[in-house]
C-alpha atoms as a PDB file:
ATOM      1  CA  MET A   1       8.686   7.712  19.749  1.00  0.00           C
ATOM      2  CA  GLU A   2       5.433   6.513  18.983  1.00  0.00           C
ATOM      3  CA  ASP A   3       4.483   3.092  19.212  1.00  0.00           C
ATOM      4  CA  LYS A   4       1.639   1.008  18.222  1.00  0.00           C
ATOM      5  CA  TYR A   5      -0.296   1.728  21.239  1.00  0.00           C
ATOM      6  CA  SER A   6       0.206   5.271  21.111  1.00  0.00           C
ATOM      7  CA  ILE A   7      -3.168   7.144  20.594  1.00  0.00           C
ATOM      8  CA  ASN A   8      -1.842   9.199  17.499  1.00  0.00           C
ATOM      9  CA  THR A   9      -0.521   5.893  15.734  1.00  0.00           C
ATOM     10  CA  GLN A  10      -4.512   4.443  16.383  1.00  0.00           C
ATOM     11  CA  LYS A  11      -5.883   7.541  15.074  1.00  0.00           C
ATOM     12  CA  GLU A  12      -3.670   7.400  11.621  1.00  0.00           C
ATOM     13  CA  ILE A  13      -4.842   3.794  11.105  1.00  0.00           C
ATOM     14  CA  ASN A  14      -8.304   4.512  11.926  1.00  0.00           C
ATOM     15  CA  SER A  15      -8.482   7.573   9.524  1.00  0.00           C
ATOM     16  CA  ILE A  16      -6.812   5.224   7.068  1.00  0.00           C
ATOM     17  CA  ASN A  17      -9.159   2.452   7.756  1.00  0.00           C
ATOM     18  CA  LYS A  18     -12.129   4.640   7.746  1.00  0.00           C
ATOM     19  CA  TYR A  19     -10.929   5.945   4.064  1.00  0.00           C
ATOM     20  CA  LEU A  20     -10.275   2.511   2.635  1.00  0.00           C
ATOM     21  CA  GLU A  21     -14.010   1.335   3.727  1.00  0.00           C
ATOM     22  CA  GLN A  22     -15.163   2.781   0.317  1.00  0.00           C
ATOM     23  CA  TRP A  23     -12.994   0.056  -1.262  1.00  0.00           C
ATOM     24  CA  ARG A  24     -13.688  -2.759   1.320  1.00  0.00           C
ATOM     25  CA  THR A  25     -15.817  -4.889  -1.304  1.00  0.00           C
ATOM     26  CA  LEU A  26     -12.908  -4.945  -3.436  1.00  0.00           C
ATOM     27  CA  LEU A  27      -9.984  -5.537  -0.940  1.00  0.00           C
ATOM     28  CA  CYS A  28      -8.929  -7.911   1.941  1.00  0.00           C
ATOM     29  CA  ILE A  29      -7.316  -5.568   4.505  1.00  0.00           C
ATOM     30  CA  GLU A  30      -4.738  -6.729   6.915  1.00  0.00           C
ATOM     31  CA  LYS A  31      -2.962  -4.041   9.549  1.00  0.00           C
ATOM     32  CA  ASN A  32       0.407  -5.391  10.998  1.00  0.00           C
ATOM     33  CA  TYR A  33       2.478  -3.737  13.752  1.00  0.00           C
ATOM     34  CA  TYR A  34       6.398  -4.035  13.640  1.00  0.00           C
ATOM     35  CA  ALA A  35       9.146  -3.077  15.529  1.00  0.00           C
ATOM     36  CA  GLU A  36       9.960  -0.314  13.261  1.00  0.00           C
ATOM     37  CA  GLY A  37       6.468   1.007  12.724  1.00  0.00           C
ATOM     38  CA  TRP A  38       3.035  -0.572  11.161  1.00  0.00           C
ATOM     39  CA  ALA A  39       1.412  -1.506   7.865  1.00  0.00           C
ATOM     40  CA  ILE A  40      -1.844  -1.741   6.317  1.00  0.00           C
ATOM     41  CA  SER A  41      -1.676  -4.495   3.742  1.00  0.00           C
ATOM     42  CA  LEU A  42      -4.232  -4.269   0.963  1.00  0.00           C
ATOM     43  CA  ARG A  43      -5.164  -7.472  -1.339  1.00  0.00           C
ATOM     44  CA  GLU A  44      -7.373  -6.764  -4.478  1.00  0.00           C
ATOM     45  CA  LYS A  45      -9.546  -9.255  -4.856  1.00  0.00           C
ATOM     46  CA  THR A  46     -10.048  -8.200  -9.009  1.00  0.00           C
ATOM     47  CA  ILE A  47      -9.165 -10.188 -11.856  1.00  0.00           C
ATOM     48  CA  TYR A  48      -5.925  -8.171 -11.901  1.00  0.00           C
ATOM     49  CA  PRO A  49      -4.511  -9.018  -8.556  1.00  0.00           C
ATOM     50  CA  ARG A  50      -2.403  -6.489  -6.828  1.00  0.00           C
ATOM     51  CA  TYR A  51      -0.821  -6.260  -3.498  1.00  0.00           C
ATOM     52  CA  ILE A  52      -0.513  -2.781  -1.826  1.00  0.00           C
ATOM     53  CA  VAL A  53       1.331  -1.767   1.597  1.00  0.00           C
ATOM     54  CA  ILE A  54       1.148   1.111   3.376  1.00  0.00           C
ATOM     55  CA  PHE A  55       3.618   1.647   5.428  1.00  0.00           C
ATOM     56  CA  LYS A  56       4.588   4.364   8.386  1.00  0.00           C
ATOM     57  CA  PRO A  57       7.873   4.052  10.458  1.00  0.00           C
ATOM     58  CA  TYR A  58       7.339   5.048  14.002  1.00  0.00           C
ATOM     59  CA  ASN A  59      10.534   7.029  14.279  1.00  0.00           C
ATOM     60  CA  GLN A  60       9.448   9.489  11.185  1.00  0.00           C
ATOM     61  CA  ASN A  61       6.649  11.654   9.927  1.00  0.00           C
ATOM     62  CA  LYS A  62       6.145  10.074   6.347  1.00  0.00           C
ATOM     63  CA  TYR A  63       4.340   7.250   4.745  1.00  0.00           C
ATOM     64  CA  LEU A  64       5.204   4.857   2.396  1.00  0.00           C
ATOM     65  CA  ILE A  65       3.111   2.834  -0.585  1.00  0.00           C
ATOM     66  CA  LYS A  66       4.550  -0.146  -2.731  1.00  0.00           C
ATOM     67  CA  SER A  67       2.728  -2.170  -4.734  1.00  0.00           C
ATOM     68  CA  PHE A  68       3.373  -5.576  -6.314  1.00  0.00           C
ATOM     69  CA  GLU A  69       1.465  -7.362  -9.220  1.00  0.00           C
ATOM     70  CA  ILE A  70       0.858 -11.113  -7.861  1.00  0.00           C
ATOM     71  CA  HIS A  71       2.050 -13.771  -9.985  1.00  0.00           C
ATOM     72  CA  TYR A  72       2.095 -17.510  -9.667  1.00  0.00           C
ATOM     73  CA  ASN A  73       4.621 -19.983 -10.879  1.00  0.00           C
ATOM     74  CA  LYS A  74       3.836 -23.420 -12.424  1.00  0.00           C
ATOM     75  CA  ASN A  75       3.803 -24.772  -8.588  1.00  0.00           C
ATOM     76  CA  GLY A  76       1.150 -22.299  -7.756  1.00  0.00           C
ATOM     77  CA  LYS A  77       3.521 -20.739  -5.394  1.00  0.00           C
ATOM     78  CA  GLU A  78       2.608 -16.872  -5.424  1.00  0.00           C
ATOM     79  CA  TYR A  79       5.761 -14.260  -6.508  1.00  0.00           C
ATOM     80  CA  PHE A  80       5.371 -10.654  -6.647  1.00  0.00           C
ATOM     81  CA  LYS A  81       6.876  -7.823  -9.294  1.00  0.00           C
ATOM     82  CA  ASP A  82       7.349  -4.598  -8.192  1.00  0.00           C
ATOM     83  CA  LEU A  83       4.913  -2.142  -9.864  1.00  0.00           C
ATOM     84  CA  TYR A  84       5.646   1.127  -7.587  1.00  0.00           C
ATOM     85  CA  PHE A  85       7.129   2.733  -4.871  1.00  0.00           C
ATOM     86  CA  ILE A  86       6.906   6.483  -3.358  1.00  0.00           C
ATOM     87  CA  ASP A  87       8.322   7.066   0.316  1.00  0.00           C
ATOM     88  CA  THR A  88       7.619  11.128   0.401  1.00  0.00           C
ATOM     89  CA  ILE A  89       4.365  11.238   1.578  1.00  0.00           C
ATOM     90  CA  SER A  90       4.240  13.753   4.263  1.00  0.00           C
ATOM     91  CA  SER A  91       0.343  14.175   5.313  1.00  0.00           C
ATOM     92  CA  MET A  92      -2.547  12.265   5.521  1.00  0.00           C
ATOM     93  CA  ASN A  93      -4.152  14.193   2.429  1.00  0.00           C
ATOM     94  CA  GLU A  94      -1.151  13.390   0.330  1.00  0.00           C
ATOM     95  CA  LEU A  95      -1.560   9.766   1.483  1.00  0.00           C
ATOM     96  CA  PHE A  96      -5.324   9.595   0.813  1.00  0.00           C
ATOM     97  CA  ARG A  97      -4.870  11.021  -2.654  1.00  0.00           C
ATOM     98  CA  GLU A  98      -1.909   8.806  -3.377  1.00  0.00           C
ATOM     99  CA  ILE A  99      -4.053   5.438  -2.455  1.00  0.00           C
ATOM    100  CA  LYS A 100      -6.509   6.618  -4.563  1.00  0.00           C
ATOM    101  CA  ASN A 101      -4.291   7.266  -7.561  1.00  0.00           C
ATOM    102  CA  VAL A 102      -2.810   3.881  -7.188  1.00  0.00           C
ATOM    103  CA  PHE A 103      -6.337   2.183  -7.004  1.00  0.00           C
ATOM    104  CA  TYR A 104      -6.941   4.036 -10.431  1.00  0.00           C
ATOM    105  CA  GLY A 105      -4.208   2.314 -11.951  1.00  0.00           C
ATOM    106  CA  LYS A 106      -1.274   4.689 -11.111  1.00  0.00           C
ATOM    107  CA  ASP A 107       0.987   1.955 -10.481  1.00  0.00           C
ATOM    108  CA  ILE A 108       0.198   0.130 -13.411  1.00  0.00           C
ATOM    109  CA  ILE A 109       0.849   2.861 -16.018  1.00  0.00           C
ATOM    110  CA  ASN A 110       4.251   3.676 -14.459  1.00  0.00           C
ATOM    111  CA  SER A 111       5.184  -0.047 -14.747  1.00  0.00           C
ATOM    112  CA  ILE A 112       4.452  -0.183 -18.557  1.00  0.00           C
ATOM    113  CA  LYS A 113       5.996   2.875 -19.188  1.00  0.00           C
ATOM    114  CA  LYS A 114       9.012   1.805 -17.222  1.00  0.00           C
ATOM    115  CA  ASP A 115       9.299  -1.509 -19.146  1.00  0.00           C
ATOM    116  CA  ASN A 116       8.701   0.298 -22.285  1.00  0.00           C
ATOM    117  CA  SER A 117      11.956   2.427 -21.907  1.00  0.00           C
ATOM    118  CA  ASN A 118      13.857  -0.364 -20.812  1.00  0.00           C
ATOM    119  CA  SER A 119      13.177  -2.178 -24.543  1.00  0.00           C
END
């Protein structure tokens, strides 16, 4: 089982960080390690604030992406609305393609379609 100190884990995280470099001015990037796996959290600095999480369990060979729309209540406290979730990403190339699609609005479009179909 991989852990946060393994060479493979560090190579994966470094590859993702290198890929994210092109959007560094638009994002706040944070990496976290948990008992179950590691996560890279992306918070957009744009007018339409989103929070995107890339997660990789140590005991699985797949990646997960989840994105949220950030809202604020009357007291200024943040809360999140789920926009998009995918847990079937099996390669680094698929992950990079999915990250790019989410950055360009795939999560927002899918959320709008879902909201319209529920109306």
